[in-house]
């Protein structure tokens, strides 16, 4: 009996850790300790699989923070580009100078170095951030007319910052529903723990009997689907911005 109770406690703690993941820097340390002995190719595959899983499920505070940081890098680069253009810098030189490291528009940087079409390269970079598609349109119009690129980039930057402010406010409002979904996902484990504290043995019934296994599988499946569905709803609301 004490052994089963310990298993339940460990499962609840593990679920809480997954529902409220640590800060990105702490997680990076944990990952490094856990897979540091593996070859770099294996680490890259694990990182890609983790990123794909989080993106498909639509959950994960660390993933949302990473996407927000990437959007802010693009907005800051746009602001720097606007400032460079306003003081009379060459558009190509300014674009290459303010892209950052790593660059927020790598294809455009390559086009600048090789003398290619910057607008087409920015359209390729738009796969990383849709905001760059608007920059590509501004660049194409500015290249054809020869004027107005600085003003267009300045307006684009102001609009992007306003949209990001709205997105941050929306993220705060969605924190409540997301926390509720995580809490509901943990409640079955809490119920099992309370049952064992009252003297019954629900875990043994769930793991050893055929009806119990069926209920366990159904409960896990419904919990996973509910958590996934909640995350998808929140993610779709975010993508409307």
Protein backbone atom coordinates (compact mmCIF):
# COMPACT_ATOMS: atom_id res chain seq x y z
CA UNK A 1 0.00 0.00 0.00
CA UNK A 2 2.69 2.61 0.83
CA UNK A 3 4.47 1.66 -2.40
CA UNK A 4 1.36 2.32 -4.49
CA UNK A 5 0.80 5.62 -2.71
CA UNK A 6 4.36 6.63 -3.53
CA UNK A 7 3.77 5.78 -7.21
CA UNK A 8 0.67 7.97 -7.25
CA UNK A 9 2.54 10.86 -5.60
CA UNK A 10 5.36 10.58 -8.16
CA UNK A 11 2.84 10.57 -11.04
CA UNK A 12 1.12 13.69 -9.68
CA UNK A 13 4.42 15.52 -9.21
CA UNK A 14 5.50 14.56 -12.74
CA UNK A 15 2.19 15.78 -14.15
CA UNK A 16 2.50 19.07 -12.29
CA UNK A 17 6.02 19.53 -13.63
CA UNK A 18 4.80 18.95 -17.19
CA UNK A 19 1.84 21.29 -16.75
CA UNK A 20 3.96 24.09 -15.28
CA UNK A 21 7.34 23.72 -17.00
CA UNK A 22 10.37 25.59 -15.64
CA UNK A 23 11.88 28.68 -17.17
CA UNK A 24 13.68 28.13 -20.51
CA UNK A 25 17.16 28.47 -19.03
CA UNK A 26 16.47 25.85 -16.34
CA UNK A 27 14.95 23.50 -18.88
CA UNK A 28 18.00 23.93 -21.08
CA UNK A 29 20.20 22.87 -18.15
CA UNK A 30 17.97 19.87 -17.49
CA UNK A 31 18.03 18.80 -21.14
CA UNK A 32 21.78 19.24 -21.31
CA UNK A 33 22.25 17.03 -18.26
CA UNK A 34 19.85 14.42 -19.55
CA UNK A 35 21.18 14.02 -23.09
CA UNK A 36 24.67 15.47 -22.82
CA UNK A 37 26.24 12.06 -23.28
CA UNK A 38 24.40 11.45 -26.55
CA UNK A 39 25.90 12.42 -29.92
CA UNK A 40 24.99 15.89 -31.26
CA UNK A 41 22.85 14.34 -34.02
CA UNK A 42 20.69 12.60 -31.42
CA UNK A 43 20.28 15.84 -29.44
CA UNK A 44 19.21 17.65 -32.59
CA UNK A 45 16.67 14.96 -33.41
CA UNK A 46 15.27 15.04 -29.88
CA UNK A 47 15.03 18.84 -30.00
CA UNK A 48 13.28 18.75 -33.39
CA UNK A 49 10.87 16.05 -32.19
CA UNK A 50 10.06 18.04 -29.05
CA UNK A 51 9.46 21.24 -31.02
CA UNK A 52 7.26 19.40 -33.53
CA UNK A 53 5.21 17.77 -30.76
CA UNK A 54 4.63 21.05 -28.92
CA UNK A 55 3.68 22.84 -32.14
CA UNK A 56 1.22 20.13 -33.13
CA UNK A 57 -0.41 19.94 -29.71
CA UNK A 58 -0.63 23.74 -29.43
CA UNK A 59 0.45 23.80 -25.79
CA UNK A 60 3.59 24.73 -23.90
CA UNK A 61 4.47 27.98 -22.13
CA UNK A 62 8.11 27.64 -23.19
CA UNK A 63 7.09 27.31 -26.83
CA UNK A 64 4.85 30.38 -26.61
CA UNK A 65 7.61 32.38 -24.96
CA UNK A 66 10.02 31.36 -27.70
CA UNK A 67 7.61 32.44 -30.44
CA UNK A 68 6.98 35.75 -28.66
CA UNK A 69 10.73 36.35 -28.40
CA UNK A 70 11.14 35.64 -32.11
CA UNK A 71 8.35 38.06 -33.00
CA UNK A 72 9.94 40.74 -30.83
CA UNK A 73 13.28 40.21 -32.59
CA UNK A 74 11.60 40.80 -35.94
CA UNK A 75 9.80 43.91 -34.67
CA UNK A 76 13.02 45.30 -33.21
CA UNK A 77 14.84 44.62 -36.47
CA UNK A 78 12.09 46.45 -38.36
CA UNK A 79 12.42 49.42 -36.01
CA UNK A 80 16.19 49.48 -36.53
CA UNK A 81 15.71 49.21 -40.30
CA UNK A 82 13.28 52.13 -40.23
CA UNK A 83 15.77 54.24 -38.27
CA UNK A 84 18.59 53.38 -40.69
CA UNK A 85 16.46 54.30 -43.70
CA UNK A 86 15.34 57.59 -42.14
CA UNK A 87 18.94 58.76 -41.77
CA UNK A 88 19.62 58.02 -45.43
CA UNK A 89 21.34 54.64 -45.33
CA UNK A 90 21.21 52.37 -48.36
CA UNK A 91 18.26 49.94 -48.05
CA UNK A 92 20.39 46.86 -48.81
CA UNK A 93 23.17 47.86 -46.43
CA UNK A 94 20.66 48.74 -43.71
CA UNK A 95 18.87 45.41 -44.12
CA UNK A 96 22.11 43.47 -43.75
CA UNK A 97 23.24 45.58 -40.77
CA UNK A 98 20.15 45.24 -38.55
CA UNK A 99 19.18 41.61 -39.13
CA UNK A 100 20.80 40.45 -35.90
CA UNK A 101 22.65 37.24 -35.08
CA UNK A 102 21.22 34.86 -36.08
CA UNK A 103 19.53 36.94 -38.73
CA UNK A 104 15.76 37.30 -38.64
CA UNK A 105 15.79 37.34 -42.47
CA UNK A 106 18.61 34.98 -43.55
CA UNK A 107 17.41 34.60 -47.14
CA UNK A 108 17.30 38.38 -47.57
CA UNK A 109 20.83 38.66 -46.16
CA UNK A 110 21.97 36.12 -48.72
CA UNK A 111 20.27 38.09 -51.49
CA UNK A 112 22.06 41.25 -50.36
CA UNK A 113 25.45 39.51 -50.40
CA UNK A 114 24.88 37.83 -53.76
CA UNK A 115 23.07 40.69 -55.47
CA UNK A 116 19.75 38.84 -55.70
CA UNK A 117 16.15 40.01 -55.46
CA UNK A 118 15.62 41.13 -51.87
CA UNK A 119 11.82 41.24 -52.11
CA UNK A 120 11.64 37.62 -53.27
CA UNK A 121 14.08 36.60 -50.53
CA UNK A 122 11.95 38.36 -47.90
CA UNK A 123 8.94 36.45 -49.21
CA UNK A 124 10.89 33.24 -48.53
CA UNK A 125 11.75 34.46 -45.02
CA UNK A 126 8.03 35.10 -44.44
CA UNK A 127 7.75 31.37 -43.79
CA UNK A 128 9.52 32.08 -40.49
CA UNK A 129 7.39 35.13 -39.61
CA UNK A 130 4.35 36.36 -41.61
CA UNK A 131 5.32 39.95 -40.79
CA UNK A 132 8.16 39.66 -43.29
CA UNK A 133 5.64 39.17 -46.10
CA UNK A 134 4.47 42.74 -45.47
CA UNK A 135 8.07 43.92 -45.47
CA UNK A 136 8.57 42.15 -48.81
CA UNK A 137 5.58 44.03 -50.24
CA UNK A 138 6.92 47.34 -48.91
CA UNK A 139 10.33 46.57 -50.36
CA UNK A 140 8.92 45.67 -53.76
CA UNK A 141 6.88 48.88 -53.97
CA UNK A 142 9.78 50.98 -52.67
CA UNK A 143 12.21 49.40 -55.14
CA UNK A 144 9.87 50.13 -58.04
CA UNK A 145 9.07 53.71 -57.10
CA UNK A 146 12.39 54.55 -55.47
CA UNK A 147 10.72 56.48 -52.63
CA UNK A 148 8.59 55.90 -49.57
CA UNK A 149 10.34 52.79 -48.27
CA UNK A 150 11.36 54.42 -44.97
CA UNK A 151 7.84 55.69 -44.30
CA UNK A 152 6.31 52.33 -45.22
CA UNK A 153 8.66 50.43 -42.91
CA UNK A 154 7.96 52.90 -40.11
CA UNK A 155 4.20 52.38 -40.46
CA UNK A 156 4.69 48.62 -40.62
CA UNK A 157 6.75 48.73 -37.41
CA UNK A 158 4.13 50.79 -35.58
CA UNK A 159 1.36 48.42 -36.67
CA UNK A 160 3.39 45.36 -35.64
CA UNK A 161 4.06 46.82 -32.20
CA UNK A 162 0.38 47.61 -31.67
CA UNK A 163 -0.58 44.07 -32.73
CA UNK A 164 1.99 42.60 -30.34
CA UNK A 165 0.56 44.66 -27.47
CA UNK A 166 -2.87 43.22 -28.23
CA UNK A 167 -1.41 39.72 -28.43
CA UNK A 168 0.27 40.12 -25.01
CA UNK A 169 -3.03 41.27 -23.51
CA UNK A 170 -4.80 38.30 -25.11
CA UNK A 171 -2.16 35.94 -23.76
CA UNK A 172 -2.89 37.22 -20.26
CA UNK A 173 -6.61 36.63 -20.73
CA UNK A 174 -6.01 33.09 -22.02
CA UNK A 175 -3.85 32.20 -19.02
CA UNK A 176 -6.96 31.42 -16.95
CA UNK A 177 -8.48 28.87 -19.37
CA UNK A 178 -5.09 27.24 -19.90
CA UNK A 179 -4.54 26.91 -16.14
CA UNK A 180 -8.01 25.40 -15.79
CA UNK A 181 -7.24 22.84 -18.49
CA UNK A 182 -4.00 21.86 -16.74
CA UNK A 183 -5.79 21.54 -13.42
CA UNK A 184 -8.49 19.34 -14.92
CA UNK A 185 -5.81 17.12 -16.45
CA UNK A 186 -4.32 16.58 -12.97
CA UNK A 187 -7.60 15.90 -11.15
CA UNK A 188 -7.77 12.15 -12.02
CA UNK A 189 -4.45 11.59 -10.27
CA UNK A 190 -5.65 13.58 -7.27
CA UNK A 191 -8.81 11.46 -7.16
CA UNK A 192 -6.76 8.26 -7.16
CA UNK A 193 -4.61 9.59 -4.33
CA UNK A 194 -7.66 10.50 -2.25
CA UNK A 195 -9.15 7.05 -2.87
CA UNK A 196 -6.02 5.38 -1.58
CA UNK A 197 -5.96 7.67 1.46
CA UNK A 198 -9.51 6.52 2.26
CA UNK A 199 -8.40 2.88 2.32
CA UNK A 200 -9.43 1.67 -1.14
CA UNK A 201 -7.06 0.52 -3.88
CA UNK A 202 -8.20 2.19 -7.15
CA UNK A 203 -4.76 1.98 -8.74
CA UNK A 204 -4.59 -1.80 -8.37
CA UNK A 205 -8.08 -2.12 -9.88
CA UNK A 206 -7.10 0.14 -12.79
CA UNK A 207 -3.90 -1.78 -13.52
CA UNK A 208 -4.92 -5.40 -12.89
CA UNK A 209 -8.54 -5.81 -13.99
CA UNK A 210 -9.87 -5.69 -17.53
CA UNK A 211 -12.62 -3.12 -16.76
CA UNK A 212 -10.06 -1.05 -14.85
CA UNK A 213 -7.63 -1.04 -17.74
CA UNK A 214 -10.39 -0.06 -20.11
CA UNK A 215 -11.41 2.82 -17.83
CA UNK A 216 -7.75 3.86 -17.46
CA UNK A 217 -7.18 3.94 -21.21
CA UNK A 218 -10.44 5.77 -21.83
CA UNK A 219 -9.67 8.31 -19.11
CA UNK A 220 -6.16 8.96 -20.36
CA UNK A 221 -7.43 9.30 -23.92
CA UNK A 222 -10.22 11.71 -23.00
CA UNK A 223 -7.87 13.76 -20.82
CA UNK A 224 -5.32 14.01 -23.64
CA UNK A 225 -8.00 14.96 -26.17
CA UNK A 226 -9.49 17.57 -23.84
CA UNK A 227 -6.10 19.12 -23.12
CA UNK A 228 -5.21 19.12 -26.81
CA UNK A 229 -8.58 20.64 -27.76
CA UNK A 230 -8.26 23.42 -25.20
CA UNK A 231 -4.80 24.24 -26.45
CA UNK A 232 -5.97 24.25 -30.07
CA UNK A 233 -8.79 26.69 -29.26
CA UNK A 234 -6.37 29.07 -27.55
CA UNK A 235 -3.84 28.76 -30.38
CA UNK A 236 -6.47 29.47 -33.04
CA UNK A 237 -7.52 32.61 -31.17
CA UNK A 238 -3.89 33.74 -31.10
CA UNK A 239 -3.44 33.10 -34.82
CA UNK A 240 -6.34 35.45 -35.61
CA UNK A 241 -4.09 38.41 -34.77
